Amino acid sequence: MAKPIMLTEEGYKNLQDELEELKTKGRAEIAEKIKVARSYGDLSENSEYDDAKNEQAIMEARIVTIEATLKNAQIINENEISNEFVHLASRVQVEMVATGKTAEYKIVGSNDTDPRNGKISDESPVGKAIMGHKEGDVVEVETPAGVIGVKILKILK
């Protein structure tokens, strides 16, 4: 049995939307590119045809990946989580001990990550380090630049 893939409801919906887009619009666009490239003649020396076929293969691989992810997805019910400890779907305010800089992150599964919008994976260095800890804890985070201290200021829903 495959390992469950933890997703938020939003992440699950986003994957469903992407899958639908690829299966409908994406496949139609690729088919048109292949059709146009075929009209150029000799396929053995037709770079447009090769490019379109490569694009098609990449898109089909993405479709398979999304379908497998959705099949094995376990949706996190954010209404049932507590804010006693950091876990998946927690929003966490942290402070970098050395600099005093603060940040807020939402801890999500690896398929939901969006660091620009504050969504970090439970498998990322910071996410992994703070999982299971509570407010006030200071944890050490192993980063490429060395070990840093991170203090958990607040755990929110």
N, C-alpha and C. Protein backbone atom coordinates (compact mmCIF):
# COMPACT_ATOMS: atom_id res chain seq x y z
N MET A 1 0.84 -1.18 0.00
CA MET A 1 0.00 0.00 0.00
C MET A 1 0.89 1.24 0.00
N ALA A 2 0.53 2.20 -0.80
CA ALA A 2 1.32 3.43 -0.93
C ALA A 2 1.16 4.29 0.32
N LYS A 3 2.21 5.02 0.62
CA LYS A 3 2.19 5.94 1.76
C LYS A 3 1.20 7.06 1.47
N PRO A 4 0.34 7.40 2.44
CA PRO A 4 -0.62 8.50 2.19
C PRO A 4 0.12 9.83 2.00
N ILE A 5 -0.41 10.62 1.11
CA ILE A 5 0.15 11.94 0.83
C ILE A 5 -0.77 12.96 1.49
N MET A 6 -0.20 13.70 2.43
CA MET A 6 -0.99 14.65 3.20
C MET A 6 -1.18 15.94 2.40
N LEU A 7 -2.44 16.33 2.25
CA LEU A 7 -2.78 17.55 1.52
C LEU A 7 -3.83 18.34 2.29
N THR A 8 -3.75 19.64 2.17
CA THR A 8 -4.83 20.47 2.69
C THR A 8 -5.98 20.39 1.67
N GLU A 9 -7.15 20.83 2.08
CA GLU A 9 -8.27 20.85 1.14
C GLU A 9 -7.95 21.73 -0.06
N GLU A 10 -7.29 22.86 0.20
CA GLU A 10 -6.91 23.78 -0.88
C GLU A 10 -5.92 23.12 -1.83
N GLY A 11 -4.94 22.41 -1.29
CA GLY A 11 -3.95 21.73 -2.12
C GLY A 11 -4.58 20.65 -2.97
N TYR A 12 -5.53 19.91 -2.40
CA TYR A 12 -6.24 18.86 -3.14
C TYR A 12 -7.02 19.47 -4.30
N LYS A 13 -7.72 20.55 -4.00
CA LYS A 13 -8.52 21.24 -5.03
C LYS A 13 -7.61 21.78 -6.14
N ASN A 14 -6.47 22.36 -5.76
CA ASN A 14 -5.54 22.88 -6.77
C ASN A 14 -5.04 21.78 -7.70
N LEU A 15 -4.74 20.61 -7.14
CA LEU A 15 -4.29 19.50 -7.98
C LEU A 15 -5.41 19.01 -8.90
N GLN A 16 -6.63 18.95 -8.39
CA GLN A 16 -7.76 18.56 -9.23
C GLN A 16 -7.93 19.54 -10.39
N ASP A 17 -7.81 20.83 -10.10
CA ASP A 17 -7.95 21.84 -11.14
C ASP A 17 -6.84 21.72 -12.19
N GLU A 18 -5.59 21.51 -11.71
CA GLU A 18 -4.47 21.36 -12.64
C GLU A 18 -4.66 20.13 -13.52
N LEU A 19 -5.12 19.04 -12.93
CA LEU A 19 -5.35 17.81 -13.69
C LEU A 19 -6.40 18.03 -14.77
N GLU A 20 -7.49 18.67 -14.41
CA GLU A 20 -8.55 18.95 -15.39
C GLU A 20 -8.03 19.83 -16.53
N GLU A 21 -7.24 20.84 -16.19
CA GLU A 21 -6.66 21.74 -17.18
C GLU A 21 -5.75 20.98 -18.14
N LEU A 22 -4.90 20.12 -17.59
CA LEU A 22 -3.98 19.36 -18.44
C LEU A 22 -4.72 18.37 -19.34
N LYS A 23 -5.74 17.72 -18.80
CA LYS A 23 -6.46 16.72 -19.58
C LYS A 23 -7.31 17.33 -20.68
N THR A 24 -7.76 18.53 -20.49
CA THR A 24 -8.62 19.15 -21.49
C THR A 24 -7.83 20.11 -22.37
N LYS A 25 -7.54 21.26 -21.86
CA LYS A 25 -6.86 22.30 -22.63
C LYS A 25 -5.43 21.89 -23.02
N GLY A 26 -4.69 21.34 -22.07
CA GLY A 26 -3.30 20.95 -22.33
C GLY A 26 -3.18 19.93 -23.43
N ARG A 27 -3.97 18.88 -23.37
CA ARG A 27 -3.91 17.83 -24.40
C ARG A 27 -4.33 18.38 -25.76
N ALA A 28 -5.34 19.23 -25.77
CA ALA A 28 -5.80 19.82 -27.04
C ALA A 28 -4.71 20.68 -27.67
N GLU A 29 -4.03 21.48 -26.85
CA GLU A 29 -2.96 22.34 -27.36
C GLU A 29 -1.80 21.52 -27.92
N ILE A 30 -1.42 20.48 -27.22
CA ILE A 30 -0.32 19.62 -27.69
C ILE A 30 -0.71 18.92 -28.98
N ALA A 31 -1.94 18.42 -29.04
CA ALA A 31 -2.39 17.75 -30.26
C ALA A 31 -2.32 18.69 -31.45
N GLU A 32 -2.68 19.95 -31.24
CA GLU A 32 -2.62 20.93 -32.32
C GLU A 32 -1.16 21.19 -32.74
N LYS A 33 -0.27 21.29 -31.77
CA LYS A 33 1.15 21.50 -32.08
C LYS A 33 1.70 20.33 -32.90
N ILE A 34 1.33 19.12 -32.52
CA ILE A 34 1.80 17.94 -33.25
C ILE A 34 1.23 17.94 -34.66
N LYS A 35 -0.03 18.29 -34.79
CA LYS A 35 -0.67 18.34 -36.11
C LYS A 35 0.04 19.35 -37.03
N VAL A 36 0.32 20.53 -36.49
CA VAL A 36 1.00 21.57 -37.28
C VAL A 36 2.41 21.10 -37.66
N ALA A 37 3.12 20.51 -36.70
CA ALA A 37 4.48 20.05 -36.96
C ALA A 37 4.51 18.95 -38.01
N ARG A 38 3.51 18.07 -38.00
CA ARG A 38 3.44 17.00 -39.01
C ARG A 38 3.26 17.58 -40.41
N SER A 39 2.58 18.71 -40.49
CA SER A 39 2.32 19.30 -41.80
C SER A 39 3.59 19.82 -42.46
N TYR A 40 4.67 19.95 -41.66
CA TYR A 40 5.93 20.43 -42.21
C TYR A 40 6.67 19.36 -43.02
N GLY A 41 6.20 18.14 -42.97
CA GLY A 41 6.81 17.10 -43.79
C GLY A 41 7.65 16.13 -43.00
N ASP A 42 8.79 15.78 -43.55
CA ASP A 42 9.69 14.75 -43.04
C ASP A 42 9.87 14.83 -41.52
N LEU A 43 9.37 13.81 -40.81
CA LEU A 43 9.41 13.82 -39.35
C LEU A 43 10.80 13.52 -38.80
N SER A 44 11.65 12.90 -39.59
CA SER A 44 12.97 12.52 -39.09
C SER A 44 13.86 13.74 -38.84
N GLU A 45 13.59 14.85 -39.50
CA GLU A 45 14.39 16.05 -39.31
C GLU A 45 13.52 17.24 -38.91
N ASN A 46 12.46 16.96 -38.20
CA ASN A 46 11.48 17.98 -37.86
C ASN A 46 11.59 18.30 -36.36
N SER A 47 12.32 19.36 -36.03
CA SER A 47 12.53 19.70 -34.62
C SER A 47 11.23 20.15 -33.94
N GLU A 48 10.34 20.79 -34.68
CA GLU A 48 9.06 21.20 -34.09
C GLU A 48 8.26 19.98 -33.65
N TYR A 49 8.29 18.93 -34.46
CA TYR A 49 7.59 17.69 -34.13
C TYR A 49 8.22 17.06 -32.88
N ASP A 50 9.55 16.99 -32.85
CA ASP A 50 10.25 16.42 -31.70
C ASP A 50 9.93 17.21 -30.43
N ASP A 51 9.95 18.53 -30.52
CA ASP A 51 9.64 19.38 -29.37
C ASP A 51 8.22 19.15 -28.87
N ALA A 52 7.28 19.06 -29.79
CA ALA A 52 5.88 18.85 -29.42
C ALA A 52 5.69 17.48 -28.76
N LYS A 53 6.36 16.46 -29.29
CA LYS A 53 6.26 15.11 -28.71
C LYS A 53 6.90 15.08 -27.31
N ASN A 54 8.03 15.79 -27.13
CA ASN A 54 8.65 15.87 -25.81
C ASN A 54 7.74 16.59 -24.82
N GLU A 55 7.13 17.67 -25.27
CA GLU A 55 6.21 18.42 -24.43
C GLU A 55 5.02 17.53 -24.03
N GLN A 56 4.56 16.74 -24.98
CA GLN A 56 3.46 15.83 -24.71
C GLN A 56 3.86 14.79 -23.65
N ALA A 57 5.06 14.25 -23.77
CA ALA A 57 5.53 13.25 -22.81
C ALA A 57 5.64 13.84 -21.40
N ILE A 58 6.15 15.04 -21.31
CA ILE A 58 6.28 15.71 -20.01
C ILE A 58 4.91 15.95 -19.40
N MET A 59 3.97 16.41 -20.21
CA MET A 59 2.62 16.67 -19.72
C MET A 59 1.94 15.37 -19.28
N GLU A 60 2.08 14.31 -20.04
CA GLU A 60 1.45 13.04 -19.68
C GLU A 60 2.06 12.48 -18.39
N ALA A 61 3.36 12.68 -18.20
CA ALA A 61 4.00 12.25 -16.96
C ALA A 61 3.44 13.04 -15.77
N ARG A 62 3.21 14.33 -15.97
CA ARG A 62 2.63 15.16 -14.91
C ARG A 62 1.22 14.69 -14.58
N ILE A 63 0.45 14.34 -15.59
CA ILE A 63 -0.91 13.83 -15.38
C ILE A 63 -0.88 12.57 -14.52
N VAL A 64 0.03 11.65 -14.85
CA VAL A 64 0.15 10.40 -14.09
C VAL A 64 0.53 10.69 -12.64
N THR A 65 1.46 11.62 -12.45
CA THR A 65 1.90 11.98 -11.10
C THR A 65 0.75 12.57 -10.29
N ILE A 66 0.00 13.48 -10.89
CA ILE A 66 -1.13 14.09 -10.18
C ILE A 66 -2.18 13.05 -9.84
N GLU A 67 -2.49 12.17 -10.79
CA GLU A 67 -3.50 11.13 -10.54
C GLU A 67 -3.07 10.23 -9.38
N ALA A 68 -1.79 9.86 -9.33
CA ALA A 68 -1.29 9.02 -8.24
C ALA A 68 -1.36 9.77 -6.90
N THR A 69 -1.03 11.05 -6.94
CA THR A 69 -1.08 11.87 -5.72
C THR A 69 -2.51 11.95 -5.20
N LEU A 70 -3.45 12.24 -6.08
CA LEU A 70 -4.85 12.35 -5.66
C LEU A 70 -5.38 11.02 -5.15
N LYS A 71 -4.96 9.92 -5.77
CA LYS A 71 -5.41 8.59 -5.36
C LYS A 71 -4.95 8.27 -3.94
N ASN A 72 -3.73 8.70 -3.60
CA ASN A 72 -3.16 8.40 -2.29
C ASN A 72 -3.28 9.55 -1.30
N ALA A 73 -4.04 10.55 -1.66
CA ALA A 73 -4.14 11.75 -0.81
C ALA A 73 -4.97 11.48 0.44
N GLN A 74 -4.49 12.06 1.52
CA GLN A 74 -5.26 12.10 2.76
C GLN A 74 -5.42 13.57 3.08
N ILE A 75 -6.66 14.03 3.10
CA ILE A 75 -6.93 15.45 3.32
C ILE A 75 -6.92 15.76 4.80
N ILE A 76 -6.18 16.79 5.14
CA ILE A 76 -6.08 17.24 6.52
C ILE A 76 -7.31 18.08 6.85
N ASN A 77 -8.05 17.68 7.86
CA ASN A 77 -9.20 18.46 8.30
C ASN A 77 -8.70 19.52 9.28
N GLU A 78 -8.57 20.73 8.78
CA GLU A 78 -7.98 21.80 9.57
C GLU A 78 -8.84 22.20 10.77
N ASN A 79 -10.12 21.84 10.75
CA ASN A 79 -11.00 22.17 11.87
C ASN A 79 -10.76 21.25 13.08
N GLU A 80 -10.12 20.11 12.83
CA GLU A 80 -9.92 19.14 13.91
C GLU A 80 -8.54 19.25 14.55
N ILE A 81 -7.72 20.17 14.08
CA ILE A 81 -6.37 20.27 14.63
C ILE A 81 -6.36 21.17 15.86
N SER A 82 -5.43 20.86 16.77
CA SER A 82 -5.29 21.71 17.96
C SER A 82 -4.09 22.61 17.75
N ASN A 83 -3.94 23.57 18.63
CA ASN A 83 -2.78 24.44 18.53
C ASN A 83 -1.84 24.23 19.72
N GLU A 84 -1.91 23.07 20.32
CA GLU A 84 -1.03 22.75 21.44
C GLU A 84 0.38 22.45 20.96
N PHE A 85 0.49 21.71 19.84
CA PHE A 85 1.77 21.34 19.26
C PHE A 85 1.76 21.67 17.78
N VAL A 86 2.94 21.82 17.20
CA VAL A 86 3.06 22.06 15.76
C VAL A 86 2.84 20.73 15.03
N HIS A 87 1.95 20.75 14.05
CA HIS A 87 1.70 19.58 13.21
C HIS A 87 1.26 20.06 11.84
N LEU A 88 0.99 19.13 10.95
CA LEU A 88 0.52 19.51 9.62
C LEU A 88 -0.70 20.42 9.74
N ALA A 89 -0.72 21.44 8.92
CA ALA A 89 -1.79 22.44 8.84
C ALA A 89 -1.70 23.51 9.93
N SER A 90 -0.70 23.43 10.81
CA SER A 90 -0.52 24.48 11.81
C SER A 90 0.03 25.74 11.14
N ARG A 91 -0.44 26.90 11.61
CA ARG A 91 0.20 28.17 11.26
C ARG A 91 1.06 28.52 12.46
N VAL A 92 2.32 28.83 12.20
CA VAL A 92 3.28 29.01 13.27
C VAL A 92 4.03 30.32 13.10
N GLN A 93 4.06 31.12 14.16
CA GLN A 93 4.89 32.33 14.17
C GLN A 93 6.19 31.95 14.86
N VAL A 94 7.30 32.23 14.16
CA VAL A 94 8.62 31.88 14.70
C VAL A 94 9.54 33.09 14.69
N GLU A 95 10.57 33.01 15.50
CA GLU A 95 11.59 34.05 15.56
C GLU A 95 12.95 33.40 15.35
N MET A 96 13.75 33.96 14.46
CA MET A 96 15.12 33.50 14.28
C MET A 96 15.92 34.08 15.44
N VAL A 97 16.42 33.23 16.31
CA VAL A 97 17.04 33.65 17.55
C VAL A 97 18.21 34.61 17.32
N ALA A 98 19.07 34.32 16.38
CA ALA A 98 20.27 35.12 16.15
C ALA A 98 19.96 36.53 15.66
N THR A 99 18.90 36.67 14.86
CA THR A 99 18.62 37.96 14.23
C THR A 99 17.40 38.67 14.81
N GLY A 100 16.54 37.93 15.48
CA GLY A 100 15.31 38.52 15.98
C GLY A 100 14.24 38.66 14.91
N LYS A 101 14.55 38.23 13.69
CA LYS A 101 13.59 38.31 12.58
C LYS A 101 12.46 37.31 12.83
N THR A 102 11.22 37.75 12.57
CA THR A 102 10.08 36.87 12.75
C THR A 102 9.47 36.50 11.40
N ALA A 103 8.78 35.38 11.39
CA ALA A 103 8.11 34.92 10.18
C ALA A 103 6.92 34.08 10.60
N GLU A 104 5.98 33.94 9.69
CA GLU A 104 4.83 33.07 9.94
C GLU A 104 4.76 32.06 8.81
N TYR A 105 4.63 30.80 9.17
CA TYR A 105 4.58 29.71 8.20
C TYR A 105 3.35 28.86 8.45
N LYS A 106 2.87 28.26 7.39
CA LYS A 106 1.87 27.21 7.52
C LYS A 106 2.58 25.92 7.15
N ILE A 107 2.46 24.92 7.99
CA ILE A 107 3.13 23.65 7.76
C ILE A 107 2.20 22.77 6.92
N VAL A 108 2.67 22.38 5.76
CA VAL A 108 1.87 21.60 4.82
C VAL A 108 2.65 20.38 4.35
N GLY A 109 1.96 19.47 3.67
CA GLY A 109 2.63 18.33 3.06
C GLY A 109 3.49 18.80 1.90
N SER A 110 4.41 17.95 1.47
CA SER A 110 5.37 18.35 0.44
C SER A 110 4.72 18.73 -0.89
N ASN A 111 3.51 18.26 -1.15
CA ASN A 111 2.84 18.61 -2.40
C ASN A 111 2.12 19.95 -2.36
N ASP A 112 1.99 20.52 -1.17
CA ASP A 112 1.29 21.79 -0.99
C ASP A 112 2.22 22.99 -0.86
N THR A 113 3.52 22.78 -0.86
CA THR A 113 4.45 23.85 -0.53
C THR A 113 4.33 25.04 -1.48
N ASP A 114 4.49 26.20 -0.89
CA ASP A 114 4.50 27.47 -1.61
C ASP A 114 5.23 28.47 -0.73
N PRO A 115 6.56 28.37 -0.68
CA PRO A 115 7.32 29.21 0.25
C PRO A 115 7.08 30.71 0.09
N ARG A 116 6.83 31.17 -1.12
CA ARG A 116 6.58 32.60 -1.32
C ARG A 116 5.34 33.07 -0.58
N ASN A 117 4.42 32.15 -0.35
CA ASN A 117 3.19 32.49 0.38
C ASN A 117 3.18 31.91 1.79
N GLY A 118 4.37 31.58 2.31
CA GLY A 118 4.48 31.13 3.68
C GLY A 118 4.08 29.70 3.95
N LYS A 119 3.95 28.88 2.92
CA LYS A 119 3.59 27.47 3.11
C LYS A 119 4.86 26.63 2.94
N ILE A 120 5.31 26.05 4.06
CA ILE A 120 6.51 25.23 4.01
C ILE A 120 6.18 23.78 4.32
N SER A 121 6.97 22.90 3.78
CA SER A 121 6.76 21.47 3.94
C SER A 121 7.17 21.00 5.33
N ASP A 122 6.49 19.97 5.78
CA ASP A 122 6.87 19.32 7.03
C ASP A 122 8.20 18.58 6.87
N GLU A 123 8.69 18.48 5.63
CA GLU A 123 9.96 17.83 5.35
C GLU A 123 11.09 18.84 5.12
N SER A 124 10.76 20.15 5.13
CA SER A 124 11.78 21.18 4.97
C SER A 124 12.58 21.27 6.27
N PRO A 125 13.76 21.87 6.24
CA PRO A 125 14.55 21.95 7.48
C PRO A 125 13.79 22.60 8.65
N VAL A 126 13.16 23.75 8.41
CA VAL A 126 12.42 24.43 9.48
C VAL A 126 11.19 23.61 9.86
N GLY A 127 10.43 23.17 8.87
CA GLY A 127 9.22 22.40 9.14
C GLY A 127 9.50 21.15 9.95
N LYS A 128 10.51 20.41 9.53
CA LYS A 128 10.87 19.16 10.23
C LYS A 128 11.31 19.45 11.66
N ALA A 129 12.08 20.52 11.85
CA ALA A 129 12.61 20.84 13.18
C ALA A 129 11.52 21.25 14.17
N ILE A 130 10.51 21.99 13.71
CA ILE A 130 9.51 22.49 14.66
C ILE A 130 8.32 21.54 14.87
N MET A 131 8.20 20.52 14.02
CA MET A 131 7.09 19.56 14.17
C MET A 131 7.12 18.93 15.56
N GLY A 132 5.96 18.90 16.21
CA GLY A 132 5.83 18.27 17.51
C GLY A 132 6.22 19.15 18.69
N HIS A 133 6.72 20.35 18.41
CA HIS A 133 7.12 21.26 19.49
C HIS A 133 5.96 22.19 19.85
N LYS A 134 6.11 22.89 20.97
CA LYS A 134 5.05 23.77 21.44
C LYS A 134 5.56 25.20 21.56
N GLU A 135 4.63 26.12 21.83
CA GLU A 135 4.99 27.53 21.98
C GLU A 135 6.06 27.70 23.04
N GLY A 136 7.03 28.58 22.72
CA GLY A 136 8.12 28.86 23.65
C GLY A 136 9.34 27.99 23.43
N ASP A 137 9.19 26.86 22.74
CA ASP A 137 10.33 25.99 22.48
C ASP A 137 11.30 26.67 21.52
N VAL A 138 12.58 26.45 21.75
CA VAL A 138 13.63 26.88 20.83
C VAL A 138 14.23 25.62 20.24
N VAL A 139 14.22 25.52 18.92
CA VAL A 139 14.74 24.33 18.26
C VAL A 139 15.91 24.71 17.37
N GLU A 140 16.79 23.75 17.16
CA GLU A 140 17.91 23.95 16.26
C GLU A 140 17.53 23.43 14.89
N VAL A 141 17.82 24.25 13.88
CA VAL A 141 17.50 23.90 12.50
C VAL A 141 18.80 23.77 11.71
N GLU A 142 19.00 22.61 11.11
CA GLU A 142 20.17 22.37 10.28
C GLU A 142 19.89 22.95 8.90
N THR A 143 20.66 23.97 8.52
CA THR A 143 20.51 24.61 7.20
C THR A 143 21.83 24.48 6.45
N PRO A 144 21.81 24.74 5.16
CA PRO A 144 23.07 24.71 4.40
C PRO A 144 24.11 25.70 4.95
N ALA A 145 23.63 26.78 5.57
CA ALA A 145 24.54 27.79 6.11
C ALA A 145 24.99 27.46 7.54
N GLY A 146 24.49 26.37 8.09
CA GLY A 146 24.84 25.99 9.45
C GLY A 146 23.60 25.87 10.32
N VAL A 147 23.80 25.62 11.59
CA VAL A 147 22.69 25.44 12.52
C VAL A 147 22.21 26.80 13.00
N ILE A 148 20.88 26.98 12.97
CA ILE A 148 20.29 28.22 13.48
C ILE A 148 19.25 27.87 14.54
N GLY A 149 19.03 28.79 15.47
CA GLY A 149 18.01 28.61 16.49
C GLY A 149 16.71 29.27 16.06
N VAL A 150 15.61 28.57 16.25
CA VAL A 150 14.29 29.10 15.91
C VAL A 150 13.39 28.94 17.13
N LYS A 151 12.80 30.04 17.56
CA LYS A 151 11.88 30.01 18.71
C LYS A 151 10.45 30.04 18.19
N ILE A 152 9.62 29.15 18.72
CA ILE A 152 8.22 29.10 18.34
C ILE A 152 7.47 30.12 19.21
N LEU A 153 6.98 31.17 18.59
CA LEU A 153 6.28 32.24 19.32
C LEU A 153 4.82 31.90 19.54
N LYS A 154 4.15 31.42 18.50
CA LYS A 154 2.71 31.20 18.58
C LYS A 154 2.31 30.10 17.58
N ILE A 155 1.38 29.26 17.99
CA ILE A 155 0.81 28.24 17.11
C ILE A 155 -0.65 28.61 16.90
N LEU A 156 -1.02 28.79 15.65
CA LEU A 156 -2.39 29.23 15.31
C LEU A 156 -3.08 28.16 14.48
N LYS A 157 -4.39 28.27 14.40
CA LYS A 157 -5.15 27.39 13.51
C LYS A 157 -5.27 28.01 12.16
